[in-house]
Amino acid sequence: MGTARRPALNQQNAPELLGTVAEVASALGVPVPQQIDLTSDLNASVGRRGRQTVLSLGLPLLYALGPQERVALIAHELAHDQAGDPRHSQLLGSAAQILDGMIGLLSPDALDQRNVPFRRLEVTRPDQEMIWFKKAMTLPFLGLQWIFQLLTGQHSQAAEFRADLRASRVAGSESVINLLDRLHFTHLLEMAVQRQQTTPQRPHALAELRQMWAELTPERITRMRAGAANERLRLDSSHPPTSDRLTVVGAHPAVPQLILSAERSARIDAELAPHIPILTVQMAERYG
């Protein structure tokens, strides 16, 4: 696949969402990001692009969340500016971006696009040789990435707890807990994409995911929490186990300082709608 398009949001095409981000930043006492991008990932992040702070919001995640969980998501990401996360310093953040970019550039496209063993890939011998060459070229960067994570991992995980608690003070601890619970069910996006592909008359995949998340029962969430705690599941190596994050947030109850109304959230939906078709195509390539 080529480089994923990242639609940039501005006051003309997303005034409600940008206004919400600005209100969250004000509640946290942090600067408003200079740029806000949408991606096709079920994720969100804050990083540096040159001297700019960039907030990247995964459309599947943002769209499928309820109003107050959207506040929790934005608050958690912006809180990293206060949380002392080494990944968000300009120097280390740039280094991490360079490593990620080089790994993405050198990773064999065929292996990225097909989750099957190498022996099943239908490629020619020159293609195989190029794939193995790219894999070999990637190894040094993977090694550097592992060292980077080893050196920064403990500080980054502590920063996640701090960001969760700061987000709780803005969005309310219940909303942060709901957000973390939904992250246990990210696998439902693949099911939503496949449902939409096999039955095109159904709502788009993001509406499917929103419905699936809305229909999660307390019993199912409790079972998933128990399994995640036993397996010590985490989003990635820079994050603590999600069960630990739930415990910490639950131990510090907080009422919401900023409430996003259903009406404002619906206006954000309308701002996101034009970006759904192109980003859904990217999701279909990944999960179809």
Protein backbone atom coordinates (compact mmCIF):
# COMPACT_ATOMS: atom_id res chain seq x y z
CA MET A 1 0.00 0.00 0.00
CA GLY A 2 1.07 3.56 -0.53
CA THR A 3 1.33 6.17 2.14
CA ALA A 4 -2.03 6.59 3.87
CA ARG A 5 -3.67 9.89 3.21
CA ARG A 6 -4.02 11.98 6.37
CA PRO A 7 -6.75 14.57 5.92
CA ALA A 8 -5.89 17.76 7.80
CA LEU A 9 -8.72 19.44 9.66
CA ASN A 10 -9.20 23.20 9.86
CA GLN A 11 -11.71 25.80 10.99
CA GLN A 12 -13.47 25.63 7.64
CA ASN A 13 -14.12 21.88 7.49
CA ALA A 14 -14.23 20.96 11.19
CA PRO A 15 -15.03 23.95 13.43
CA GLU A 16 -16.85 21.89 16.07
CA LEU A 17 -14.12 19.30 16.45
CA LEU A 18 -11.38 21.93 16.54
CA GLY A 19 -13.40 23.91 19.05
CA THR A 20 -13.69 20.83 21.25
CA VAL A 21 -9.94 20.21 21.02
CA ALA A 22 -9.30 23.83 21.99
CA GLU A 23 -11.63 23.56 25.00
CA VAL A 24 -9.92 20.37 26.16
CA ALA A 25 -6.50 21.98 25.77
CA SER A 26 -7.67 24.97 27.80
CA ALA A 27 -9.04 22.71 30.56
CA LEU A 28 -5.67 20.92 30.70
CA GLY A 29 -3.64 24.11 30.48
CA VAL A 30 -1.71 22.96 27.40
CA PRO A 31 -1.22 24.61 23.99
CA VAL A 32 -3.66 23.78 21.22
CA PRO A 33 -2.04 21.52 18.58
CA GLN A 34 -1.05 23.42 15.47
CA GLN A 35 -2.34 20.63 13.24
CA ILE A 36 -5.00 17.94 13.59
CA ASP A 37 -4.97 14.98 11.20
CA LEU A 38 -7.37 12.12 10.60
CA THR A 39 -6.03 8.61 9.96
CA SER A 40 -7.57 5.22 9.19
CA ASP A 41 -6.03 3.73 12.35
CA LEU A 42 -7.96 2.61 15.41
CA ASN A 43 -5.66 4.78 17.47
CA ALA A 44 -4.71 8.34 18.36
CA SER A 45 -1.45 10.09 19.13
CA VAL A 46 0.29 13.41 19.68
CA GLY A 47 3.67 13.98 18.09
CA ARG A 48 6.01 16.53 16.62
CA ARG A 49 6.33 17.45 12.98
CA GLY A 50 9.23 19.82 12.86
CA ARG A 51 8.34 22.43 15.48
CA GLN A 52 4.62 21.79 15.24
CA THR A 53 2.56 19.70 17.63
CA VAL A 54 0.31 17.38 15.64
CA LEU A 55 -2.72 15.58 17.04
CA SER A 56 -3.52 12.49 14.95
CA LEU A 57 -6.99 11.07 15.50
CA GLY A 58 -7.94 7.68 14.11
CA LEU A 59 -11.32 8.11 12.44
CA PRO A 60 -12.56 4.60 13.42
CA LEU A 61 -11.87 5.29 17.09
CA LEU A 62 -13.13 8.87 17.14
CA TYR A 63 -16.30 8.08 15.20
CA ALA A 64 -17.29 4.99 17.20
CA LEU A 65 -16.92 6.59 20.64
CA GLY A 66 -19.71 8.31 22.52
CA PRO A 67 -19.57 12.07 23.16
CA GLN A 68 -17.87 11.98 26.54
CA GLU A 69 -15.44 9.23 25.51
CA ARG A 70 -14.37 11.53 22.66
CA VAL A 71 -13.45 14.13 25.27
CA ALA A 72 -11.53 11.45 27.20
CA LEU A 73 -9.61 10.41 24.08
CA ILE A 74 -8.61 13.95 23.14
CA ALA A 75 -7.77 14.83 26.75
CA HIS A 76 -5.58 11.74 27.17
CA GLU A 77 -3.54 12.55 24.08
CA LEU A 78 -3.14 16.24 24.87
CA ALA A 79 -2.25 15.41 28.49
CA HIS A 80 0.95 13.78 27.25
CA ASP A 81 2.38 17.30 26.92
CA GLN A 82 2.17 17.49 30.71
CA ALA A 83 2.85 13.86 31.53
CA GLY A 84 6.62 13.83 31.00
CA ASP A 85 6.53 11.19 28.28
CA PRO A 86 10.00 11.07 26.66
CA ARG A 87 8.43 10.07 23.34
CA HIS A 88 6.86 13.50 23.15
CA SER A 89 10.05 15.52 23.50
CA GLN A 90 11.12 17.11 20.24
CA LEU A 91 14.40 15.19 20.00
CA LEU A 92 13.20 11.73 21.02
CA GLY A 93 9.89 12.20 19.24
CA SER A 94 11.71 12.98 16.00
CA ALA A 95 13.99 9.97 16.50
CA ALA A 96 10.99 7.68 17.02
CA GLN A 97 9.30 9.08 13.90
CA ILE A 98 12.43 8.51 11.81
CA LEU A 99 12.71 4.90 13.02
CA ASP A 100 9.02 4.23 12.39
CA GLY A 101 9.29 5.82 8.97
CA MET A 102 12.32 3.80 7.95
CA ILE A 103 10.73 0.55 9.15
CA GLY A 104 7.54 1.38 7.27
CA LEU A 105 9.49 2.30 4.14
CA LEU A 106 11.58 -0.86 4.13
CA SER A 107 8.94 -3.35 5.25
CA PRO A 108 7.93 -5.59 2.32
CA ASP A 109 4.52 -4.49 1.08
CA ALA A 110 3.47 -8.04 0.29
CA LEU A 111 4.10 -9.15 3.86
CA ASP A 112 2.34 -6.10 5.24
CA GLN A 113 -0.76 -6.64 3.15
CA ARG A 114 -1.19 -10.39 3.64
CA ASN A 115 -1.23 -11.95 7.04
CA VAL A 116 -0.04 -15.32 5.72
CA PRO A 117 3.24 -17.25 5.91
CA PHE A 118 5.90 -16.31 3.37
CA ARG A 119 5.69 -19.69 1.65
CA ARG A 120 2.09 -18.96 0.63
CA LEU A 121 2.79 -15.66 -1.07
CA GLU A 122 2.36 -15.90 -4.82
CA VAL A 123 5.36 -13.85 -5.90
CA THR A 124 8.08 -14.34 -8.43
CA ARG A 125 11.67 -15.17 -7.53
CA PRO A 126 12.89 -11.59 -8.06
CA ASP A 127 10.04 -10.43 -5.85
CA GLN A 128 11.06 -12.93 -3.17
CA GLU A 129 14.64 -11.74 -3.31
CA MET A 130 13.52 -8.12 -2.98
CA ILE A 131 11.29 -9.01 -0.02
CA TRP A 132 14.16 -10.73 1.78
CA PHE A 133 16.47 -7.83 0.94
CA LYS A 134 14.00 -5.36 2.43
CA LYS A 135 13.59 -7.53 5.51
CA ALA A 136 17.36 -7.61 5.98
CA MET A 137 17.56 -3.83 5.57
CA THR A 138 14.84 -3.40 8.19
CA LEU A 139 16.65 -5.40 10.89
CA PRO A 140 19.05 -2.64 12.06
CA PHE A 141 16.17 -0.19 12.43
CA LEU A 142 14.11 -2.78 14.32
CA GLY A 143 17.09 -3.24 16.63
CA LEU A 144 17.36 0.50 17.22
CA GLN A 145 13.62 0.68 17.85
CA TRP A 146 13.89 -2.11 20.44
CA ILE A 147 16.72 -0.27 22.21
CA PHE A 148 14.72 2.96 22.10
CA GLN A 149 11.70 1.27 23.67
CA LEU A 150 13.90 -0.40 26.28
CA LEU A 151 15.39 2.93 27.34
CA THR A 152 12.15 4.92 27.34
CA GLY A 153 9.56 2.25 28.11
CA GLN A 154 9.37 2.64 31.89
CA HIS A 155 9.06 6.43 31.71
CA SER A 156 6.51 6.15 28.89
CA GLN A 157 4.35 3.72 30.86
CA ALA A 158 4.39 6.02 33.90
CA ALA A 159 3.37 8.87 31.60
CA GLU A 160 0.35 6.84 30.43
CA PHE A 161 -0.96 6.65 34.00
CA ARG A 162 -0.48 10.40 34.44
CA ALA A 163 -2.23 11.13 31.15
CA ASP A 164 -5.16 8.87 32.15
CA LEU A 165 -5.59 10.73 35.45
CA ARG A 166 -5.38 14.16 33.82
CA ALA A 167 -7.92 13.06 31.23
CA SER A 168 -10.18 11.88 34.07
CA ARG A 169 -10.18 15.36 35.59
CA VAL A 170 -11.42 16.80 32.30
CA ALA A 171 -13.72 14.09 30.92
CA GLY A 172 -14.59 12.26 34.15
CA SER A 173 -13.15 8.96 35.32
CA GLU A 174 -16.18 7.00 34.09
CA SER A 175 -15.56 8.18 30.52
CA VAL A 176 -11.86 7.25 30.67
CA ILE A 177 -12.82 3.79 31.96
CA ASN A 178 -15.35 3.41 29.13
CA LEU A 179 -12.68 4.42 26.63
CA LEU A 180 -10.19 1.88 27.99
CA ASP A 181 -12.85 -0.83 27.94
CA ARG A 182 -13.56 -0.14 24.27
CA LEU A 183 -9.87 -0.60 23.50
CA HIS A 184 -10.27 -4.23 24.59
CA PHE A 185 -12.66 -4.67 21.66
CA THR A 186 -10.70 -3.16 18.77
CA HIS A 187 -10.91 -6.54 16.99
CA LEU A 188 -14.56 -5.73 16.23
CA LEU A 189 -13.45 -3.23 13.58
CA GLU A 190 -12.31 -6.05 11.32
CA MET A 191 -15.71 -7.71 11.71
CA ALA A 192 -17.45 -4.41 10.96
CA VAL A 193 -15.41 -3.88 7.78
CA GLN A 194 -16.10 -7.41 6.58
CA ARG A 195 -19.83 -7.10 7.30
CA GLN A 196 -20.02 -3.96 5.21
CA GLN A 197 -18.08 -5.58 2.35
CA THR A 198 -20.31 -8.64 2.22
CA THR A 199 -23.52 -6.64 2.68
CA PRO A 200 -22.96 -3.23 1.05
CA GLN A 201 -26.48 -2.04 1.89
CA ARG A 202 -25.55 -2.09 5.58
CA PRO A 203 -24.30 1.12 7.25
CA HIS A 204 -20.65 2.00 6.74
CA ALA A 205 -18.13 0.11 8.85
CA LEU A 206 -17.65 2.89 11.38
CA ALA A 207 -21.37 3.01 12.10
CA GLU A 208 -21.25 -0.78 12.49
CA LEU A 209 -18.40 -0.50 14.99
CA ARG A 210 -20.22 2.21 16.93
CA GLN A 211 -23.28 -0.04 17.17
CA MET A 212 -21.20 -3.04 18.26
CA TRP A 213 -19.52 -1.01 21.00
CA ALA A 214 -22.86 0.46 22.13
CA GLU A 215 -24.30 -3.05 22.48
CA LEU A 216 -21.48 -4.38 24.68
CA THR A 217 -23.07 -5.81 27.82
CA PRO A 218 -21.60 -5.32 31.31
CA GLU A 219 -21.11 -9.09 31.49
CA ARG A 220 -19.08 -9.16 28.28
CA ILE A 221 -16.96 -6.23 29.42
CA THR A 222 -16.32 -7.92 32.76
CA ARG A 223 -15.22 -11.14 31.04
CA MET A 224 -12.90 -9.22 28.73
CA ARG A 225 -11.42 -7.30 31.66
CA ALA A 226 -10.71 -10.56 33.48
CA GLY A 227 -9.06 -12.10 30.42
CA ALA A 228 -7.03 -8.98 29.72
CA ALA A 229 -5.84 -8.87 33.34
CA ASN A 230 -4.76 -12.53 33.21
CA GLU A 231 -2.88 -12.04 29.95
CA ARG A 232 -1.51 -8.61 30.95
CA LEU A 233 -2.72 -7.17 27.66
CA ARG A 234 -1.44 -3.74 26.62
CA LEU A 235 -1.80 -1.55 23.54
CA ASP A 236 1.94 -1.75 22.87
CA SER A 237 5.22 -1.91 24.77
CA SER A 238 5.05 1.77 25.67
CA HIS A 239 1.74 1.27 27.51
CA PRO A 240 1.10 -0.40 30.86
CA PRO A 241 -1.35 -3.33 30.88
CA THR A 242 -4.83 -1.92 30.33
CA SER A 243 -6.09 -3.65 33.47
CA ASP A 244 -3.58 -1.65 35.53
CA ARG A 245 -4.74 1.57 33.89
CA LEU A 246 -8.36 0.71 34.72
CA THR A 247 -7.40 0.08 38.34
CA VAL A 248 -5.58 3.40 38.68
CA VAL A 249 -8.37 5.43 37.08
CA GLY A 250 -11.00 3.64 39.15
CA ALA A 251 -9.07 4.42 42.34
CA HIS A 252 -9.23 8.17 41.58
CA PRO A 253 -12.89 8.96 40.77
CA ALA A 254 -13.45 12.32 39.12
CA VAL A 255 -16.47 14.17 37.80
CA PRO A 256 -16.29 15.68 34.31
CA GLN A 257 -15.08 19.24 34.02
CA LEU A 258 -16.02 19.48 30.34
CA ILE A 259 -19.16 17.87 28.91
CA LEU A 260 -19.70 17.37 25.18
CA SER A 261 -23.42 17.48 24.45
CA ALA A 262 -25.11 15.04 22.10
CA GLU A 263 -25.90 17.94 19.77
CA ARG A 264 -22.27 19.05 19.51
CA SER A 265 -21.15 15.45 19.08
CA ALA A 266 -23.63 15.07 16.22
CA ARG A 267 -22.13 18.13 14.54
CA ILE A 268 -18.71 16.48 14.84
CA ASP A 269 -20.19 13.42 13.12
CA ALA A 270 -21.26 15.65 10.24
CA GLU A 271 -17.74 17.10 9.99
CA LEU A 272 -16.22 13.61 9.93
CA ALA A 273 -18.65 12.23 7.34
CA PRO A 274 -16.85 13.53 4.19
CA HIS A 275 -13.67 11.72 5.26
CA ILE A 276 -15.31 8.34 5.81
CA PRO A 277 -15.27 7.03 2.18
CA ILE A 278 -11.52 7.44 1.50
CA LEU A 279 -10.46 6.22 4.94
CA THR A 280 -12.89 3.30 4.74
CA VAL A 281 -11.13 2.20 1.55
CA GLN A 282 -7.86 2.14 3.47
CA MET A 283 -9.47 0.09 6.23
CA ALA A 284 -10.89 -2.34 3.69
CA GLU A 285 -7.41 -2.86 2.24
CA ARG A 286 -6.15 -3.67 5.73
CA TYR A 287 -8.99 -5.82 7.04
CA GLY A 288 -10.82 -7.05 3.98
